[in-house]
Amino acid sequence: MKKQALNTMPSLKSDEEAERFIESADLSKYDLSGFSPMKFEFEPKTSTLNMRLPKNLLVAVKMKAKAEGMPYTRYIRLVLEQAITGQ
């Protein structure tokens, strides 16, 4: 049985265009290997935290956040959430 080549995802320029595409497309025919999981933050941030860290720790956190493709403050929040939820 010959394996069918997958289509590349089109560039979608608006939310409306993306919604129309998703509603009508058979995603099994598209190459999704370049996609990565995304976590959306819906809960508003209503409290602040101010802390002092050793410089080398902050540099390491910033490097790790950059490797994960996110701002370091979001990365810190993610690490805190994972520590609390045990994930």
PDB file of N, CA and C in Angstrom:
ATOM      1  N   MET A   1       0.842  -1.179   0.000  1.00  0.00           N
ATOM      2  CA  MET A   1       0.000   0.000   0.000  1.00  0.00           C
ATOM      3  C   MET A   1       0.888   1.244   0.000  1.00  0.00           C
ATOM      4  N   LYS A   2       0.665   2.133  -0.935  1.00  0.00           N
ATOM      5  CA  LYS A   2       1.469   3.338  -1.067  1.00  0.00           C
ATOM      6  C   LYS A   2       0.984   4.404  -0.098  1.00  0.00           C
ATOM      7  N   LYS A   3       1.944   5.021   0.605  1.00  0.00           N
ATOM      8  CA  LYS A   3       1.617   6.079   1.566  1.00  0.00           C
ATOM      9  C   LYS A   3       1.378   7.384   0.818  1.00  0.00           C
ATOM     10  N   GLN A   4       0.271   8.043   1.125  1.00  0.00           N
ATOM     11  CA  GLN A   4      -0.078   9.290   0.453  1.00  0.00           C
ATOM     12  C   GLN A   4       0.685  10.465   1.066  1.00  0.00           C
ATOM     13  N   ALA A   5       1.242  11.337   0.208  1.00  0.00           N
ATOM     14  CA  ALA A   5       1.975  12.511   0.681  1.00  0.00           C
ATOM     15  C   ALA A   5       1.012  13.471   1.370  1.00  0.00           C
ATOM     16  N   LEU A   6       1.494  14.082   2.448  1.00  0.00           N
ATOM     17  CA  LEU A   6       0.665  15.022   3.194  1.00  0.00           C
ATOM     18  C   LEU A   6       0.829  16.430   2.645  1.00  0.00           C
ATOM     19  N   ASN A   7      -0.233  17.203   2.702  1.00  0.00           N
ATOM     20  CA  ASN A   7      -0.215  18.602   2.279  1.00  0.00           C
ATOM     21  C   ASN A   7       0.414  19.461   3.364  1.00  0.00           C
ATOM     22  N   THR A   8       1.012  20.564   2.961  1.00  0.00           N
ATOM     23  CA  THR A   8       1.499  21.523   3.949  1.00  0.00           C
ATOM     24  C   THR A   8       0.340  22.416   4.369  1.00  0.00           C
ATOM     25  N   MET A   9       0.393  22.873   5.592  1.00  0.00           N
ATOM     26  CA  MET A   9      -0.674  23.744   6.107  1.00  0.00           C
ATOM     27  C   MET A   9      -0.622  25.090   5.403  1.00  0.00           C
ATOM     28  N   PRO A  10      -1.786  25.633   5.030  1.00  0.00           N
ATOM     29  CA  PRO A  10      -1.798  26.957   4.411  1.00  0.00           C
ATOM     30  C   PRO A  10      -1.537  28.036   5.455  1.00  0.00           C
ATOM     31  N   SER A  11      -1.093  29.183   5.003  1.00  0.00           N
ATOM     32  CA  SER A  11      -0.891  30.324   5.894  1.00  0.00           C
ATOM     33  C   SER A  11      -2.239  31.018   6.066  1.00  0.00           C
ATOM     34  N   LEU A  12      -2.736  31.041   7.289  1.00  0.00           N
ATOM     35  CA  LEU A  12      -4.055  31.625   7.577  1.00  0.00           C
ATOM     36  C   LEU A  12      -3.851  32.985   8.223  1.00  0.00           C
ATOM     37  N   LYS A  13      -4.439  34.017   7.650  1.00  0.00           N
ATOM     38  CA  LYS A  13      -4.138  35.392   8.039  1.00  0.00           C
ATOM     39  C   LYS A  13      -5.118  36.003   9.046  1.00  0.00           C
ATOM     40  N   SER A  14      -6.201  35.299   9.372  1.00  0.00           N
ATOM     41  CA  SER A  14      -7.148  35.850  10.340  1.00  0.00           C
ATOM     42  C   SER A  14      -7.819  34.706  11.093  1.00  0.00           C
ATOM     43  N   ASP A  15      -8.422  35.032  12.223  1.00  0.00           N
ATOM     44  CA  ASP A  15      -9.159  34.019  12.988  1.00  0.00           C
ATOM     45  C   ASP A  15     -10.309  33.456  12.161  1.00  0.00           C
ATOM     46  N   GLU A  16     -10.988  34.334  11.418  1.00  0.00           N
ATOM     47  CA  GLU A  16     -12.124  33.899  10.599  1.00  0.00           C
ATOM     48  C   GLU A  16     -11.677  32.917   9.519  1.00  0.00           C
ATOM     49  N   GLU A  17     -10.550  33.239   8.879  1.00  0.00           N
ATOM     50  CA  GLU A  17     -10.015  32.357   7.846  1.00  0.00           C
ATOM     51  C   GLU A  17      -9.631  31.006   8.448  1.00  0.00           C
ATOM     52  N   ALA A  18      -9.037  31.022   9.623  1.00  0.00           N
ATOM     53  CA  ALA A  18      -8.649  29.783  10.305  1.00  0.00           C
ATOM     54  C   ALA A  18      -9.881  28.964  10.675  1.00  0.00           C
ATOM     55  N   GLU A  19     -10.920  29.616  11.182  1.00  0.00           N
ATOM     56  CA  GLU A  19     -12.149  28.903  11.551  1.00  0.00           C
ATOM     57  C   GLU A  19     -12.789  28.240  10.339  1.00  0.00           C
ATOM     58  N   ARG A  20     -12.851  28.966   9.212  1.00  0.00           N
ATOM     59  CA  ARG A  20     -13.428  28.377   7.989  1.00  0.00           C
ATOM     60  C   ARG A  20     -12.609  27.174   7.532  1.00  0.00           C
ATOM     61  N   PHE A  21     -11.287  27.301   7.607  1.00  0.00           N
ATOM     62  CA  PHE A  21     -10.425  26.192   7.190  1.00  0.00           C
ATOM     63  C   PHE A  21     -10.645  24.973   8.077  1.00  0.00           C
ATOM     64  N   ILE A  22     -10.621  25.163   9.388  1.00  0.00           N
ATOM     65  CA  ILE A  22     -10.763  24.042  10.328  1.00  0.00           C
ATOM     66  C   ILE A  22     -12.130  23.367  10.186  1.00  0.00           C
ATOM     67  N   GLU A  23     -13.170  24.146   9.953  1.00  0.00           N
ATOM     68  CA  GLU A  23     -14.513  23.584   9.816  1.00  0.00           C
ATOM     69  C   GLU A  23     -14.640  22.679   8.596  1.00  0.00           C
ATOM     70  N   SER A  24     -13.879  22.970   7.535  1.00  0.00           N
ATOM     71  CA  SER A  24     -14.062  22.233   6.286  1.00  0.00           C
ATOM     72  C   SER A  24     -12.915  21.277   5.946  1.00  0.00           C
ATOM     73  N   ALA A  25     -11.775  21.404   6.575  1.00  0.00           N
ATOM     74  CA  ALA A  25     -10.596  20.622   6.190  1.00  0.00           C
ATOM     75  C   ALA A  25     -10.561  19.268   6.870  1.00  0.00           C
ATOM     76  N   ASP A  26     -10.007  18.296   6.176  1.00  0.00           N
ATOM     77  CA  ASP A  26      -9.699  16.993   6.751  1.00  0.00           C
ATOM     78  C   ASP A  26      -8.242  17.067   7.200  1.00  0.00           C
ATOM     79  N   LEU A  27      -8.019  17.300   8.484  1.00  0.00           N
ATOM     80  CA  LEU A  27      -6.668  17.539   8.992  1.00  0.00           C
ATOM     81  C   LEU A  27      -5.763  16.312   8.896  1.00  0.00           C
ATOM     82  N   SER A  28      -6.330  15.139   8.692  1.00  0.00           N
ATOM     83  CA  SER A  28      -5.503  13.943   8.540  1.00  0.00           C
ATOM     84  C   SER A  28      -4.713  13.972   7.233  1.00  0.00           C
ATOM     85  N   LYS A  29      -5.059  14.881   6.328  1.00  0.00           N
ATOM     86  CA  LYS A  29      -4.357  14.994   5.049  1.00  0.00           C
ATOM     87  C   LYS A  29      -3.257  16.053   5.077  1.00  0.00           C
ATOM     88  N   TYR A  30      -3.001  16.629   6.266  1.00  0.00           N
ATOM     89  CA  TYR A  30      -2.009  17.694   6.392  1.00  0.00           C
ATOM     90  C   TYR A  30      -0.866  17.263   7.300  1.00  0.00           C
ATOM     91  N   ASP A  31       0.310  17.770   6.993  1.00  0.00           N
ATOM     92  CA  ASP A  31       1.493  17.495   7.794  1.00  0.00           C
ATOM     93  C   ASP A  31       1.479  18.418   9.019  1.00  0.00           C
ATOM     94  N   LEU A  32       1.214  17.859  10.178  1.00  0.00           N
ATOM     95  CA  LEU A  32       1.144  18.627  11.420  1.00  0.00           C
ATOM     96  C   LEU A  32       2.387  18.419  12.282  1.00  0.00           C
ATOM     97  N   SER A  33       3.438  17.837  11.716  1.00  0.00           N
ATOM     98  CA  SER A  33       4.626  17.502  12.504  1.00  0.00           C
ATOM     99  C   SER A  33       5.354  18.736  13.041  1.00  0.00           C
ATOM    100  N   GLY A  34       5.182  19.884  12.405  1.00  0.00           N
ATOM    101  CA  GLY A  34       5.833  21.100  12.873  1.00  0.00           C
ATOM    102  C   GLY A  34       5.077  21.806  13.985  1.00  0.00           C
ATOM    103  N   PHE A  35       3.914  21.314  14.324  1.00  0.00           N
ATOM    104  CA  PHE A  35       3.099  21.942  15.361  1.00  0.00           C
ATOM    105  C   PHE A  35       3.563  21.489  16.736  1.00  0.00           C
ATOM    106  N   SER A  36       3.342  22.316  17.738  1.00  0.00           N
ATOM    107  CA  SER A  36       3.673  21.946  19.107  1.00  0.00           C
ATOM    108  C   SER A  36       2.488  22.307  19.999  1.00  0.00           C
ATOM    109  N   PRO A  37       2.351  21.617  21.132  1.00  0.00           N
ATOM    110  CA  PRO A  37       1.237  21.911  22.040  1.00  0.00           C
ATOM    111  C   PRO A  37       1.289  23.359  22.514  1.00  0.00           C
ATOM    112  N   MET A  38       0.137  23.933  22.731  1.00  0.00           N
ATOM    113  CA  MET A  38       0.038  25.322  23.169  1.00  0.00           C
ATOM    114  C   MET A  38      -0.882  25.367  24.379  1.00  0.00           C
ATOM    115  N   LYS A  39      -0.446  26.071  25.395  1.00  0.00           N
ATOM    116  CA  LYS A  39      -1.272  26.229  26.589  1.00  0.00           C
ATOM    117  C   LYS A  39      -1.792  27.663  26.609  1.00  0.00           C
ATOM    118  N   PHE A  40      -3.100  27.800  26.674  1.00  0.00           N
ATOM    119  CA  PHE A  40      -3.708  29.116  26.705  1.00  0.00           C
ATOM    120  C   PHE A  40      -4.030  29.484  28.145  1.00  0.00           C
ATOM    121  N   GLU A  41      -3.782  30.722  28.485  1.00  0.00           N
ATOM    122  CA  GLU A  41      -4.048  31.203  29.834  1.00  0.00           C
ATOM    123  C   GLU A  41      -5.309  32.054  29.808  1.00  0.00           C
ATOM    124  N   PHE A  42      -6.379  31.532  30.380  1.00  0.00           N
ATOM    125  CA  PHE A  42      -7.652  32.229  30.361  1.00  0.00           C
ATOM    126  C   PHE A  42      -7.933  32.995  31.647  1.00  0.00           C
ATOM    127  N   GLU A  43      -7.349  32.524  32.738  1.00  0.00           N
ATOM    128  CA  GLU A  43      -7.607  33.171  34.023  1.00  0.00           C
ATOM    129  C   GLU A  43      -6.845  34.494  34.110  1.00  0.00           C
ATOM    130  N   PRO A  44      -7.536  35.571  34.472  1.00  0.00           N
ATOM    131  CA  PRO A  44      -6.844  36.870  34.549  1.00  0.00           C
ATOM    132  C   PRO A  44      -5.813  36.867  35.684  1.00  0.00           C
ATOM    133  N   LYS A  45      -4.751  37.616  35.468  1.00  0.00           N
ATOM    134  CA  LYS A  45      -3.710  37.750  36.494  1.00  0.00           C
ATOM    135  C   LYS A  45      -4.075  38.945  37.367  1.00  0.00           C
ATOM    136  N   THR A  46      -4.442  38.669  38.608  1.00  0.00           N
ATOM    137  CA  THR A  46      -4.926  39.732  39.493  1.00  0.00           C
ATOM    138  C   THR A  46      -3.986  40.018  40.657  1.00  0.00           C
ATOM    139  N   SER A  47      -2.963  39.197  40.811  1.00  0.00           N
ATOM    140  CA  SER A  47      -2.013  39.394  41.908  1.00  0.00           C
ATOM    141  C   SER A  47      -0.602  39.471  41.340  1.00  0.00           C
ATOM    142  N   THR A  48       0.268  40.116  42.095  1.00  0.00           N
ATOM    143  CA  THR A  48       1.660  40.239  41.649  1.00  0.00           C
ATOM    144  C   THR A  48       2.593  39.589  42.665  1.00  0.00           C
ATOM    145  N   LEU A  49       3.785  39.272  42.198  1.00  0.00           N
ATOM    146  CA  LEU A  49       4.811  38.667  43.032  1.00  0.00           C
ATOM    147  C   LEU A  49       6.125  39.360  42.706  1.00  0.00           C
ATOM    148  N   ASN A  50       6.828  39.758  43.739  1.00  0.00           N
ATOM    149  CA  ASN A  50       8.132  40.382  43.564  1.00  0.00           C
ATOM    150  C   ASN A  50       9.118  39.558  44.384  1.00  0.00           C
ATOM    151  N   MET A  51      10.162  39.056  43.728  1.00  0.00           N
ATOM    152  CA  MET A  51      11.141  38.256  44.466  1.00  0.00           C
ATOM    153  C   MET A  51      12.553  38.557  43.990  1.00  0.00           C
ATOM    154  N   ARG A  52      13.481  38.353  44.884  1.00  0.00           N
ATOM    155  CA  ARG A  52      14.887  38.547  44.561  1.00  0.00           C
ATOM    156  C   ARG A  52      15.509  37.167  44.353  1.00  0.00           C
ATOM    157  N   LEU A  53      16.302  37.053  43.285  1.00  0.00           N
ATOM    158  CA  LEU A  53      16.955  35.794  42.942  1.00  0.00           C
ATOM    159  C   LEU A  53      18.435  36.037  42.717  1.00  0.00           C
ATOM    160  N   PRO A  54      19.245  35.013  42.918  1.00  0.00           N
ATOM    161  CA  PRO A  54      20.642  35.143  42.507  1.00  0.00           C
ATOM    162  C   PRO A  54      20.684  35.342  40.988  1.00  0.00           C
ATOM    163  N   LYS A  55      21.601  36.176  40.540  1.00  0.00           N
ATOM    164  CA  LYS A  55      21.675  36.501  39.114  1.00  0.00           C
ATOM    165  C   LYS A  55      21.826  35.256  38.251  1.00  0.00           C
ATOM    166  N   ASN A  56      22.665  34.297  38.677  1.00  0.00           N
ATOM    167  CA  ASN A  56      22.872  33.097  37.862  1.00  0.00           C
ATOM    168  C   ASN A  56      21.599  32.269  37.730  1.00  0.00           C
ATOM    169  N   LEU A  57      20.748  32.268  38.743  1.00  0.00           N
ATOM    170  CA  LEU A  57      19.478  31.558  38.658  1.00  0.00           C
ATOM    171  C   LEU A  57      18.551  32.239  37.655  1.00  0.00           C
ATOM    172  N   LEU A  58      18.474  33.561  37.712  1.00  0.00           N
ATOM    173  CA  LEU A  58      17.622  34.289  36.771  1.00  0.00           C
ATOM    174  C   LEU A  58      18.111  34.094  35.335  1.00  0.00           C
ATOM    175  N   VAL A  59      19.411  34.129  35.128  1.00  0.00           N
ATOM    176  CA  VAL A  59      19.958  33.899  33.788  1.00  0.00           C
ATOM    177  C   VAL A  59      19.583  32.503  33.298  1.00  0.00           C
ATOM    178  N   ALA A  60      19.701  31.506  34.177  1.00  0.00           N
ATOM    179  CA  ALA A  60      19.356  30.130  33.808  1.00  0.00           C
ATOM    180  C   ALA A  60      17.870  30.004  33.477  1.00  0.00           C
ATOM    181  N   VAL A  61      17.015  30.669  34.250  1.00  0.00           N
ATOM    182  CA  VAL A  61      15.567  30.641  33.996  1.00  0.00           C
ATOM    183  C   VAL A  61      15.273  31.282  32.644  1.00  0.00           C
ATOM    184  N   LYS A  62      15.898  32.423  32.362  1.00  0.00           N
ATOM    185  CA  LYS A  62      15.677  33.099  31.083  1.00  0.00           C
ATOM    186  C   LYS A  62      16.131  32.230  29.910  1.00  0.00           C
ATOM    187  N   MET A  63      17.253  31.542  30.072  1.00  0.00           N
ATOM    188  CA  MET A  63      17.739  30.658  29.007  1.00  0.00           C
ATOM    189  C   MET A  63      16.779  29.489  28.784  1.00  0.00           C
ATOM    190  N   LYS A  64      16.302  28.913  29.864  1.00  0.00           N
ATOM    191  CA  LYS A  64      15.354  27.795  29.754  1.00  0.00           C
ATOM    192  C   LYS A  64      14.049  28.257  29.109  1.00  0.00           C
ATOM    193  N   ALA A  65      13.565  29.434  29.508  1.00  0.00           N
ATOM    194  CA  ALA A  65      12.331  29.977  28.924  1.00  0.00           C
ATOM    195  C   ALA A  65      12.506  30.221  27.429  1.00  0.00           C
ATOM    196  N   LYS A  66      13.647  30.765  27.047  1.00  0.00           N
ATOM    197  CA  LYS A  66      13.910  31.016  25.631  1.00  0.00           C
ATOM    198  C   LYS A  66      13.921  29.713  24.850  1.00  0.00           C
ATOM    199  N   ALA A  67      14.516  28.668  25.424  1.00  0.00           N
ATOM    200  CA  ALA A  67      14.547  27.360  24.771  1.00  0.00           C
ATOM    201  C   ALA A  67      13.137  26.790  24.614  1.00  0.00           C
ATOM    202  N   GLU A  68      12.248  27.134  25.543  1.00  0.00           N
ATOM    203  CA  GLU A  68      10.856  26.680  25.481  1.00  0.00           C
ATOM    204  C   GLU A  68      10.000  27.593  24.605  1.00  0.00           C
ATOM    205  N   GLY A  69      10.585  28.722  24.178  1.00  0.00           N
ATOM    206  CA  GLY A  69       9.871  29.625  23.280  1.00  0.00           C
ATOM    207  C   GLY A  69       8.837  30.496  23.956  1.00  0.00           C
ATOM    208  N   MET A  70       9.134  30.934  25.177  1.00  0.00           N
ATOM    209  CA  MET A  70       8.171  31.779  25.892  1.00  0.00           C
ATOM    210  C   MET A  70       8.901  32.808  26.744  1.00  0.00           C
ATOM    211  N   PRO A  71       8.202  33.889  27.109  1.00  0.00           N
ATOM    212  CA  PRO A  71       8.809  34.876  28.012  1.00  0.00           C
ATOM    213  C   PRO A  71       9.121  34.233  29.365  1.00  0.00           C
ATOM    214  N   TYR A  72      10.166  34.735  30.017  1.00  0.00           N
ATOM    215  CA  TYR A  72      10.595  34.094  31.262  1.00  0.00           C
ATOM    216  C   TYR A  72       9.553  34.206  32.377  1.00  0.00           C
ATOM    217  N   THR A  73       8.774  35.287  32.393  1.00  0.00           N
ATOM    218  CA  THR A  73       7.745  35.393  33.445  1.00  0.00           C
ATOM    219  C   THR A  73       6.656  34.335  33.253  1.00  0.00           C
ATOM    220  N   ARG A  74       6.289  34.068  32.006  1.00  0.00           N
ATOM    221  CA  ARG A  74       5.301  33.009  31.744  1.00  0.00           C
ATOM    222  C   ARG A  74       5.891  31.655  32.104  1.00  0.00           C
ATOM    223  N   TYR A  75       7.176  31.466  31.811  1.00  0.00           N
ATOM    224  CA  TYR A  75       7.837  30.204  32.151  1.00  0.00           C
ATOM    225  C   TYR A  75       7.837  29.983  33.670  1.00  0.00           C
ATOM    226  N   ILE A  76       8.147  31.024  34.428  1.00  0.00           N
ATOM    227  CA  ILE A  76       8.135  30.911  35.894  1.00  0.00           C
ATOM    228  C   ILE A  76       6.732  30.544  36.379  1.00  0.00           C
ATOM    229  N   ARG A  77       5.707  31.181  35.828  1.00  0.00           N
ATOM    230  CA  ARG A  77       4.329  30.877  36.206  1.00  0.00           C
ATOM    231  C   ARG A  77       3.993  29.417  35.878  1.00  0.00           C
ATOM    232  N   LEU A  78       4.448  28.931  34.714  1.00  0.00           N
ATOM    233  CA  LEU A  78       4.208  27.545  34.322  1.00  0.00           C
ATOM    234  C   LEU A  78       4.879  26.578  35.291  1.00  0.00           C
ATOM    235  N   VAL A  79       6.134  26.855  35.664  1.00  0.00           N
ATOM    236  CA  VAL A  79       6.858  25.992  36.598  1.00  0.00           C
ATOM    237  C   VAL A  79       6.148  25.969  37.953  1.00  0.00           C
ATOM    238  N   LEU A  80       5.674  27.124  38.412  1.00  0.00           N
ATOM    239  CA  LEU A  80       4.934  27.174  39.679  1.00  0.00           C
ATOM    240  C   LEU A  80       3.645  26.359  39.595  1.00  0.00           C
ATOM    241  N   GLU A  81       2.914  26.501  38.495  1.00  0.00           N
ATOM    242  CA  GLU A  81       1.669  25.730  38.331  1.00  0.00           C
ATOM    243  C   GLU A  81       1.956  24.225  38.320  1.00  0.00           C
ATOM    244  N   GLN A  82       3.020  23.823  37.633  1.00  0.00           N
ATOM    245  CA  GLN A  82       3.364  22.401  37.565  1.00  0.00           C
ATOM    246  C   GLN A  82       3.763  21.883  38.950  1.00  0.00           C
ATOM    247  N   ALA A  83       4.466  22.691  39.728  1.00  0.00           N
ATOM    248  CA  ALA A  83       4.856  22.267  41.069  1.00  0.00           C
ATOM    249  C   ALA A  83       3.639  22.084  41.965  1.00  0.00           C
ATOM    250  N   ILE A  84       2.659  22.950  41.813  1.00  0.00           N
ATOM    251  CA  ILE A  84       1.455  22.886  42.645  1.00  0.00           C
ATOM    252  C   ILE A  84       0.550  21.728  42.233  1.00  0.00           C
ATOM    253  N   THR A  85       0.389  21.531  40.925  1.00  0.00           N
ATOM    254  CA  THR A  85      -0.524  20.478  40.434  1.00  0.00           C
ATOM    255  C   THR A  85       0.127  19.119  40.326  1.00  0.00           C
ATOM    256  N   GLY A  86       1.462  19.054  40.464  1.00  0.00           N
ATOM    257  CA  GLY A  86       2.160  17.777  40.411  1.00  0.00           C
ATOM    258  C   GLY A  86       2.327  17.235  38.996  1.00  0.00           C
ATOM    259  N   GLN A  87       2.253  18.096  38.009  1.00  0.00           N
ATOM    260  CA  GLN A  87       2.394  17.632  36.611  1.00  0.00           C
ATOM    261  C   GLN A  87       3.829  17.682  36.168  1.00  0.00           C
TER     262      GLN A  87
END
